């Protein structure tokens, strides 16, 4: 699986926990939320297309 270096990784503190965010793109915010036991990278095939139209947060 190829990881794109344009993806920004950061953590946000919300509701008493730290959450990892993988972010890419600009525009309206779109949340991509994976199920258990997947990781944010399960969205790798959708990232490039969606990021050209919106700001993505992968949780």
PDB file of N, CA and C in Angstrom:
ATOM      1  N   UNK A   1       0.841  -1.172   0.000  1.00  0.00           N
ATOM      2  CA  UNK A   1       0.000   0.000   0.000  1.00  0.00           C
ATOM      3  C   UNK A   1       0.887   1.237   0.000  1.00  0.00           C
ATOM      4  N   UNK A   2       0.568   2.193  -0.857  1.00  0.00           N
ATOM      5  CA  UNK A   2       1.376   3.387  -1.002  1.00  0.00           C
ATOM      6  C   UNK A   2       0.808   4.509  -0.146  1.00  0.00           C
ATOM      7  N   UNK A   3       1.615   5.085   0.725  1.00  0.00           N
ATOM      8  CA  UNK A   3       1.176   6.179   1.572  1.00  0.00           C
ATOM      9  C   UNK A   3       1.604   7.498   0.934  1.00  0.00           C
ATOM     10  N   UNK A   4       0.716   8.460   0.939  1.00  0.00           N
ATOM     11  CA  UNK A   4       0.979   9.753   0.335  1.00  0.00           C
ATOM     12  C   UNK A   4       1.559  10.701   1.372  1.00  0.00           C
ATOM     13  N   UNK A   5       2.714  11.301   1.060  1.00  0.00           N
ATOM     14  CA  UNK A   5       3.350  12.205   2.012  1.00  0.00           C
ATOM     15  C   UNK A   5       2.603  13.530   2.172  1.00  0.00           C
ATOM     16  N   UNK A   6       1.604  13.811   1.347  1.00  0.00           N
ATOM     17  CA  UNK A   6       0.820  15.031   1.482  1.00  0.00           C
ATOM     18  C   UNK A   6      -0.213  14.937   2.601  1.00  0.00           C
ATOM     19  N   UNK A   7      -0.370  13.786   3.179  1.00  0.00           N
ATOM     20  CA  UNK A   7      -1.327  13.605   4.266  1.00  0.00           C
ATOM     21  C   UNK A   7      -0.699  14.103   5.561  1.00  0.00           C
ATOM     22  N   UNK A   8      -1.407  15.007   6.255  1.00  0.00           N
ATOM     23  CA  UNK A   8      -0.915  15.545   7.520  1.00  0.00           C
ATOM     24  C   UNK A   8      -1.502  14.725   8.667  1.00  0.00           C
ATOM     25  N   UNK A   9      -0.638  14.255   9.545  1.00  0.00           N
ATOM     26  CA  UNK A   9      -1.069  13.474  10.702  1.00  0.00           C
ATOM     27  C   UNK A   9      -0.964  14.357  11.939  1.00  0.00           C
ATOM     28  N   UNK A  10      -2.027  14.361  12.731  1.00  0.00           N
ATOM     29  CA  UNK A  10      -1.990  15.088  13.993  1.00  0.00           C
ATOM     30  C   UNK A  10      -2.984  14.462  14.958  1.00  0.00           C
ATOM     31  N   UNK A  11      -2.931  14.921  16.191  1.00  0.00           N
ATOM     32  CA  UNK A  11      -3.853  14.436  17.214  1.00  0.00           C
ATOM     33  C   UNK A  11      -4.666  15.610  17.735  1.00  0.00           C
ATOM     34  N   UNK A  12      -5.943  15.360  18.010  1.00  0.00           N
ATOM     35  CA  UNK A  12      -6.787  16.374  18.627  1.00  0.00           C
ATOM     36  C   UNK A  12      -7.334  15.809  19.930  1.00  0.00           C
ATOM     37  N   UNK A  13      -7.506  16.687  20.905  1.00  0.00           N
ATOM     38  CA  UNK A  13      -8.039  16.279  22.195  1.00  0.00           C
ATOM     39  C   UNK A  13      -9.513  16.656  22.234  1.00  0.00           C
ATOM     40  N   UNK A  14     -10.380  15.676  22.387  1.00  0.00           N
ATOM     41  CA  UNK A  14     -11.814  15.928  22.421  1.00  0.00           C
ATOM     42  C   UNK A  14     -12.497  14.936  23.350  1.00  0.00           C
ATOM     43  N   UNK A  15     -13.452  15.402  24.100  1.00  0.00           N
ATOM     44  CA  UNK A  15     -14.222  14.553  25.023  1.00  0.00           C
ATOM     45  C   UNK A  15     -13.339  13.709  25.944  1.00  0.00           C
ATOM     46  N   UNK A  16     -12.208  14.269  26.365  1.00  0.00           N
ATOM     47  CA  UNK A  16     -11.338  13.579  27.318  1.00  0.00           C
ATOM     48  C   UNK A  16     -10.402  12.542  26.734  1.00  0.00           C
ATOM     49  N   UNK A  17     -10.328  12.428  25.396  1.00  0.00           N
ATOM     50  CA  UNK A  17      -9.414  11.466  24.764  1.00  0.00           C
ATOM     51  C   UNK A  17      -8.653  12.130  23.620  1.00  0.00           C
ATOM     52  N   UNK A  18      -7.515  11.552  23.261  1.00  0.00           N
ATOM     53  CA  UNK A  18      -6.741  11.989  22.103  1.00  0.00           C
ATOM     54  C   UNK A  18      -7.162  11.152  20.901  1.00  0.00           C
ATOM     55  N   UNK A  19      -7.436  11.809  19.779  1.00  0.00           N
ATOM     56  CA  UNK A  19      -7.856  11.128  18.558  1.00  0.00           C
ATOM     57  C   UNK A  19      -6.855  11.448  17.452  1.00  0.00           C
ATOM     58  N   UNK A  20      -6.392  10.421  16.736  1.00  0.00           N
ATOM     59  CA  UNK A  20      -5.490  10.613  15.594  1.00  0.00           C
ATOM     60  C   UNK A  20      -6.299  11.051  14.387  1.00  0.00           C
ATOM     61  N   UNK A  21      -5.815  12.090  13.692  1.00  0.00           N
ATOM     62  CA  UNK A  21      -6.452  12.601  12.474  1.00  0.00           C
ATOM     63  C   UNK A  21      -5.436  12.519  11.339  1.00  0.00           C
ATOM     64  N   UNK A  22      -5.841  11.975  10.213  1.00  0.00           N
ATOM     65  CA  UNK A  22      -5.048  12.026   8.980  1.00  0.00           C
ATOM     66  C   UNK A  22      -5.816  12.969   8.059  1.00  0.00           C
ATOM     67  N   UNK A  23      -5.210  14.097   7.696  1.00  0.00           N
ATOM     68  CA  UNK A  23      -5.928  15.167   6.999  1.00  0.00           C
ATOM     69  C   UNK A  23      -5.321  15.464   5.638  1.00  0.00           C
ATOM     70  N   UNK A  24      -6.200  15.742   4.669  1.00  0.00           N
ATOM     71  CA  UNK A  24      -5.750  16.129   3.336  1.00  0.00           C
ATOM     72  C   UNK A  24      -6.874  16.896   2.649  1.00  0.00           C
ATOM     73  N   UNK A  25      -6.512  17.864   1.795  1.00  0.00           N
ATOM     74  CA  UNK A  25      -7.483  18.590   0.994  1.00  0.00           C
ATOM     75  C   UNK A  25      -7.931  19.888   1.627  1.00  0.00           C
ATOM     76  N   UNK A  26      -8.741  20.623   0.864  1.00  0.00           N
ATOM     77  CA  UNK A  26      -9.298  21.900   1.307  1.00  0.00           C
ATOM     78  C   UNK A  26     -10.756  21.946   0.915  1.00  0.00           C
ATOM     79  N   UNK A  27     -11.518  22.781   1.597  1.00  0.00           N
ATOM     80  CA  UNK A  27     -12.931  22.920   1.287  1.00  0.00           C
ATOM     81  C   UNK A  27     -13.786  22.391   2.415  1.00  0.00           C
ATOM     82  N   UNK A  28     -15.018  21.988   2.100  1.00  0.00           N
ATOM     83  CA  UNK A  28     -15.916  21.477   3.138  1.00  0.00           C
ATOM     84  C   UNK A  28     -15.319  20.234   3.798  1.00  0.00           C
ATOM     85  N   UNK A  29     -15.539  20.113   5.101  1.00  0.00           N
ATOM     86  CA  UNK A  29     -14.994  18.984   5.850  1.00  0.00           C
ATOM     87  C   UNK A  29     -15.817  17.723   5.607  1.00  0.00           C
ATOM     88  N   UNK A  30     -15.118  16.627   5.301  1.00  0.00           N
ATOM     89  CA  UNK A  30     -15.737  15.310   5.154  1.00  0.00           C
ATOM     90  C   UNK A  30     -15.031  14.376   6.129  1.00  0.00           C
ATOM     91  N   UNK A  31     -15.786  13.705   6.984  1.00  0.00           N
ATOM     92  CA  UNK A  31     -15.219  12.736   7.924  1.00  0.00           C
ATOM     93  C   UNK A  31     -15.310  11.341   7.333  1.00  0.00           C
ATOM     94  N   UNK A  32     -14.195  10.648   7.302  1.00  0.00           N
ATOM     95  CA  UNK A  32     -14.152   9.249   6.884  1.00  0.00           C
ATOM     96  C   UNK A  32     -13.844   8.439   8.131  1.00  0.00           C
ATOM     97  N   UNK A  33     -14.806   7.683   8.611  1.00  0.00           N
ATOM     98  CA  UNK A  33     -14.665   6.968   9.869  1.00  0.00           C
ATOM     99  C   UNK A  33     -14.632   5.464   9.593  1.00  0.00           C
ATOM    100  N   UNK A  34     -13.513   4.845   9.929  1.00  0.00           N
ATOM    101  CA  UNK A  34     -13.355   3.404   9.694  1.00  0.00           C
ATOM    102  C   UNK A  34     -13.993   2.608  10.824  1.00  0.00           C
ATOM    103  N   UNK A  35     -14.229   1.347  10.561  1.00  0.00           N
ATOM    104  CA  UNK A  35     -14.752   0.443  11.577  1.00  0.00           C
ATOM    105  C   UNK A  35     -13.632  -0.316  12.261  1.00  0.00           C
ATOM    106  N   UNK A  36     -13.986  -1.103  13.231  1.00  0.00           N
ATOM    107  CA  UNK A  36     -13.011  -1.924  13.940  1.00  0.00           C
ATOM    108  C   UNK A  36     -12.820  -3.237  13.188  1.00  0.00           C
ATOM    109  N   UNK A  37     -11.635  -3.701  12.954  1.00  0.00           N
ATOM    110  CA  UNK A  37     -10.329  -3.289  13.448  1.00  0.00           C
ATOM    111  C   UNK A  37      -9.502  -2.514  12.416  1.00  0.00           C
ATOM    112  N   UNK A  38     -10.097  -1.877  11.433  1.00  0.00           N
ATOM    113  CA  UNK A  38      -9.352  -1.153  10.408  1.00  0.00           C
ATOM    114  C   UNK A  38      -8.667   0.090  10.972  1.00  0.00           C
ATOM    115  N   UNK A  39      -7.827   0.703  10.136  1.00  0.00           N
ATOM    116  CA  UNK A  39      -7.124   1.940  10.460  1.00  0.00           C
ATOM    117  C   UNK A  39      -7.516   3.004   9.436  1.00  0.00           C
ATOM    118  N   UNK A  40      -7.047   4.240   9.636  1.00  0.00           N
ATOM    119  CA  UNK A  40      -7.369   5.340   8.722  1.00  0.00           C
ATOM    120  C   UNK A  40      -6.977   5.012   7.289  1.00  0.00           C
ATOM    121  N   UNK A  41      -5.945   4.203   7.098  1.00  0.00           N
ATOM    122  CA  UNK A  41      -5.448   3.918   5.747  1.00  0.00           C
ATOM    123  C   UNK A  41      -6.382   3.001   4.953  1.00  0.00           C
ATOM    124  N   UNK A  42      -7.461   2.521   5.543  1.00  0.00           N
ATOM    125  CA  UNK A  42      -8.419   1.730   4.756  1.00  0.00           C
ATOM    126  C   UNK A  42      -9.095   2.605   3.699  1.00  0.00           C
ATOM    127  N   UNK A  43      -8.951   3.927   3.817  1.00  0.00           N
ATOM    128  CA  UNK A  43      -9.529   4.868   2.849  1.00  0.00           C
ATOM    129  C   UNK A  43      -8.538   5.241   1.738  1.00  0.00           C
ATOM    130  N   UNK A  44      -7.403   4.575   1.644  1.00  0.00           N
ATOM    131  CA  UNK A  44      -6.332   4.970   0.727  1.00  0.00           C
ATOM    132  C   UNK A  44      -6.799   5.097  -0.726  1.00  0.00           C
ATOM    133  N   UNK A  45      -7.731   4.291  -1.167  1.00  0.00           N
ATOM    134  CA  UNK A  45      -8.167   4.340  -2.564  1.00  0.00           C
ATOM    135  C   UNK A  45      -9.126   5.502  -2.844  1.00  0.00           C
ATOM    136  N   UNK A  46      -9.746   6.060  -1.818  1.00  0.00           N
ATOM    137  CA  UNK A  46     -10.684   7.167  -1.990  1.00  0.00           C
ATOM    138  C   UNK A  46     -10.041   8.535  -1.737  1.00  0.00           C
ATOM    139  N   UNK A  47      -8.892   8.559  -1.090  1.00  0.00           N
ATOM    140  CA  UNK A  47      -8.286   9.800  -0.629  1.00  0.00           C
ATOM    141  C   UNK A  47      -8.014  10.788  -1.758  1.00  0.00           C
ATOM    142  N   UNK A  48      -7.341  10.382  -2.811  1.00  0.00           N
ATOM    143  CA  UNK A  48      -6.939  11.321  -3.867  1.00  0.00           C
ATOM    144  C   UNK A  48      -8.135  11.980  -4.531  1.00  0.00           C
ATOM    145  N   UNK A  49      -9.134  11.209  -4.878  1.00  0.00           N
ATOM    146  CA  UNK A  49     -10.313  11.781  -5.542  1.00  0.00           C
ATOM    147  C   UNK A  49     -11.071  12.717  -4.606  1.00  0.00           C
ATOM    148  N   UNK A  50     -11.364  12.269  -3.404  1.00  0.00           N
ATOM    149  CA  UNK A  50     -12.151  13.090  -2.485  1.00  0.00           C
ATOM    150  C   UNK A  50     -11.412  14.349  -2.047  1.00  0.00           C
ATOM    151  N   UNK A  51     -10.095  14.267  -1.857  1.00  0.00           N
ATOM    152  CA  UNK A  51      -9.317  15.423  -1.410  1.00  0.00           C
ATOM    153  C   UNK A  51      -9.274  16.528  -2.454  1.00  0.00           C
ATOM    154  N   UNK A  52      -9.540  16.212  -3.708  1.00  0.00           N
ATOM    155  CA  UNK A  52      -9.571  17.260  -4.728  1.00  0.00           C
ATOM    156  C   UNK A  52     -10.877  18.053  -4.660  1.00  0.00           C
ATOM    157  N   UNK A  53     -11.835  17.586  -3.856  1.00  0.00           N
ATOM    158  CA  UNK A  53     -13.137  18.249  -3.737  1.00  0.00           C
ATOM    159  C   UNK A  53     -13.463  18.716  -2.325  1.00  0.00           C
ATOM    160  N   UNK A  54     -12.758  18.224  -1.312  1.00  0.00           N
ATOM    161  CA  UNK A  54     -13.107  18.532   0.074  1.00  0.00           C
ATOM    162  C   UNK A  54     -11.896  18.347   0.983  1.00  0.00           C
ATOM    163  N   UNK A  55     -12.014  18.818   2.210  1.00  0.00           N
ATOM    164  CA  UNK A  55     -11.003  18.584   3.248  1.00  0.00           C
ATOM    165  C   UNK A  55     -11.402  17.309   3.970  1.00  0.00           C
ATOM    166  N   UNK A  56     -10.494  16.350   4.026  1.00  0.00           N
ATOM    167  CA  UNK A  56     -10.803  15.042   4.604  1.00  0.00           C
ATOM    168  C   UNK A  56     -10.142  14.884   5.967  1.00  0.00           C
ATOM    169  N   UNK A  57     -10.903  14.365   6.894  1.00  0.00           N
ATOM    170  CA  UNK A  57     -10.364  13.895   8.173  1.00  0.00           C
ATOM    171  C   UNK A  57     -10.659  12.416   8.223  1.00  0.00           C
ATOM    172  N   UNK A  58      -9.618  11.612   8.337  1.00  0.00           N
ATOM    173  CA  UNK A  58      -9.786  10.180   8.480  1.00  0.00           C
ATOM    174  C   UNK A  58      -9.521   9.814   9.917  1.00  0.00           C
ATOM    175  N   UNK A  59     -10.486   9.208  10.536  1.00  0.00           N
ATOM    176  CA  UNK A  59     -10.389   8.861  11.966  1.00  0.00           C
ATOM    177  C   UNK A  59     -10.191   7.360  12.098  1.00  0.00           C
TER     178      UNK A  59
END
